[in-house]
């Protein structure tokens, strides 16, 4: 999939495009840490760091995700990076469905023989 992107877009556009997706995943990760610390504070965790660091990292990654939208040069790559995720998710869901569906048909066919 990355080869298709590399063929369609210039490398100078592709690097910020992928950085947007990376910062989005970091932001989601820190938001989930905050959510779990709030909803289940007494759960056993093998590694635990102060909540202030989680809040700080969530704010920093959110800033790195939002700020490129205000820059004329990087606005398009940021929007493309955010729009590419649902497309990739849809592609994964279709592949997962057909893999499971075809596997089931192969199992039924081989059982009848």
Protein backbone atom coordinates (compact mmCIF):
# COMPACT_ATOMS: atom_id res chain seq x y z
CA UNK A 1 0.00 0.00 0.00
CA UNK A 2 2.89 2.33 0.71
CA UNK A 3 4.27 1.72 -2.78
CA UNK A 4 0.98 2.96 -4.24
CA UNK A 5 1.23 6.09 -2.12
CA UNK A 6 4.85 6.57 -3.14
CA UNK A 7 3.90 6.30 -6.81
CA UNK A 8 0.95 8.67 -6.45
CA UNK A 9 2.54 11.33 -4.26
CA UNK A 10 5.91 13.01 -3.94
CA UNK A 11 8.14 11.89 -1.06
CA UNK A 12 8.09 15.45 0.33
CA UNK A 13 4.31 15.10 0.73
CA UNK A 14 4.43 11.51 1.92
CA UNK A 15 6.63 12.10 4.98
CA UNK A 16 4.31 14.65 6.69
CA UNK A 17 1.38 12.51 5.56
CA UNK A 18 2.70 9.56 7.55
CA UNK A 19 3.78 11.73 10.49
CA UNK A 20 0.18 12.86 10.86
CA UNK A 21 -0.96 9.26 11.19
CA UNK A 22 1.85 8.53 13.64
CA UNK A 23 0.93 11.49 15.89
CA UNK A 24 -2.72 10.46 15.72
CA UNK A 25 -1.87 7.00 17.05
CA UNK A 26 0.29 8.49 19.81
CA UNK A 27 -2.56 10.84 20.77
CA UNK A 28 -5.04 7.95 20.85
CA UNK A 29 -2.62 5.90 22.95
CA UNK A 30 -2.23 8.61 25.58
CA UNK A 31 -5.97 9.31 25.61
CA UNK A 32 -6.65 5.61 26.26
CA UNK A 33 -4.12 5.66 29.10
CA UNK A 34 -5.94 8.63 30.63
CA UNK A 35 -9.32 6.97 30.11
CA UNK A 36 -8.23 3.73 31.76
CA UNK A 37 -6.61 5.56 34.66
CA UNK A 38 -9.89 7.41 35.21
CA UNK A 39 -12.33 4.51 34.77
CA UNK A 40 -10.29 1.79 36.48
CA UNK A 41 -7.72 3.40 38.78
CA UNK A 42 -7.08 0.32 40.93
CA UNK A 43 -6.30 -2.14 38.12
CA UNK A 44 -2.99 -3.94 38.23
CA UNK A 45 -0.57 -2.43 35.75
CA UNK A 46 2.97 -3.72 35.35
CA UNK A 47 4.20 -0.27 34.39
CA UNK A 48 2.69 2.92 35.74
CA UNK A 49 3.90 6.48 35.37
CA UNK A 50 2.47 9.71 36.79
CA UNK A 51 -0.78 10.95 35.33
CA UNK A 52 0.71 14.41 34.82
CA UNK A 53 3.11 12.95 32.25
CA UNK A 54 0.18 11.30 30.45
CA UNK A 55 -1.72 14.58 30.33
CA UNK A 56 1.36 16.44 29.12
CA UNK A 57 2.09 13.90 26.38
CA UNK A 58 -1.57 13.88 25.31
CA UNK A 59 -1.52 17.68 24.96
CA UNK A 60 1.78 17.64 23.06
CA UNK A 61 0.69 14.96 20.60
CA UNK A 62 -2.68 16.65 20.14
CA UNK A 63 -0.85 19.88 19.37
CA UNK A 64 1.38 18.14 16.84
CA UNK A 65 -1.75 16.74 15.25
CA UNK A 66 -3.73 20.01 15.11
CA UNK A 67 -1.06 22.62 14.33
CA UNK A 68 -0.28 21.45 10.77
CA UNK A 69 -3.90 22.22 9.84
CA UNK A 70 -3.11 25.93 10.27
CA UNK A 71 -0.06 25.86 7.99
CA UNK A 72 -0.68 26.36 4.27
CA UNK A 73 2.20 24.04 3.25
CA UNK A 74 1.25 21.06 5.40
CA UNK A 75 -2.54 21.35 5.49
CA UNK A 76 -3.10 19.07 2.49
CA UNK A 77 -0.80 16.31 3.74
CA UNK A 78 -2.43 16.43 7.17
CA UNK A 79 -5.91 16.13 5.72
CA UNK A 80 -4.82 13.33 3.39
CA UNK A 81 -3.22 11.51 6.31
CA UNK A 82 -6.42 11.72 8.33
CA UNK A 83 -8.56 10.67 5.35
CA UNK A 84 -6.34 7.71 4.51
CA UNK A 85 -7.10 5.94 7.79
CA UNK A 86 -10.79 5.16 7.09
CA UNK A 87 -9.81 3.91 3.63
CA UNK A 88 -7.19 1.59 5.11
CA UNK A 89 -9.66 0.40 7.74
CA UNK A 90 -12.25 -0.34 5.07
CA UNK A 91 -9.67 -2.23 3.02
CA UNK A 92 -8.71 -4.27 6.07
CA UNK A 93 -12.36 -5.05 6.88
CA UNK A 94 -13.06 -6.22 3.33
CA UNK A 95 -9.96 -8.42 3.34
CA UNK A 96 -10.86 -9.85 6.76
CA UNK A 97 -14.42 -10.59 5.65
CA UNK A 98 -13.38 -12.34 2.46
CA UNK A 99 -10.67 -14.32 4.24
CA UNK A 100 -13.15 -15.63 6.80
CA UNK A 101 -15.93 -16.13 4.25
CA UNK A 102 -13.72 -17.99 1.77
CA UNK A 103 -12.23 -20.13 4.55
CA UNK A 104 -15.72 -21.18 5.62
CA UNK A 105 -16.66 -22.14 2.05
CA UNK A 106 -13.45 -24.15 1.67
CA UNK A 107 -14.22 -25.99 4.91
CA UNK A 108 -17.77 -26.79 3.77
CA UNK A 109 -16.53 -27.92 0.36
CA UNK A 110 -13.84 -30.18 1.80
CA UNK A 111 -16.29 -31.69 4.30
CA UNK A 112 -18.61 -32.73 1.47
CA UNK A 113 -15.88 -34.57 -0.41
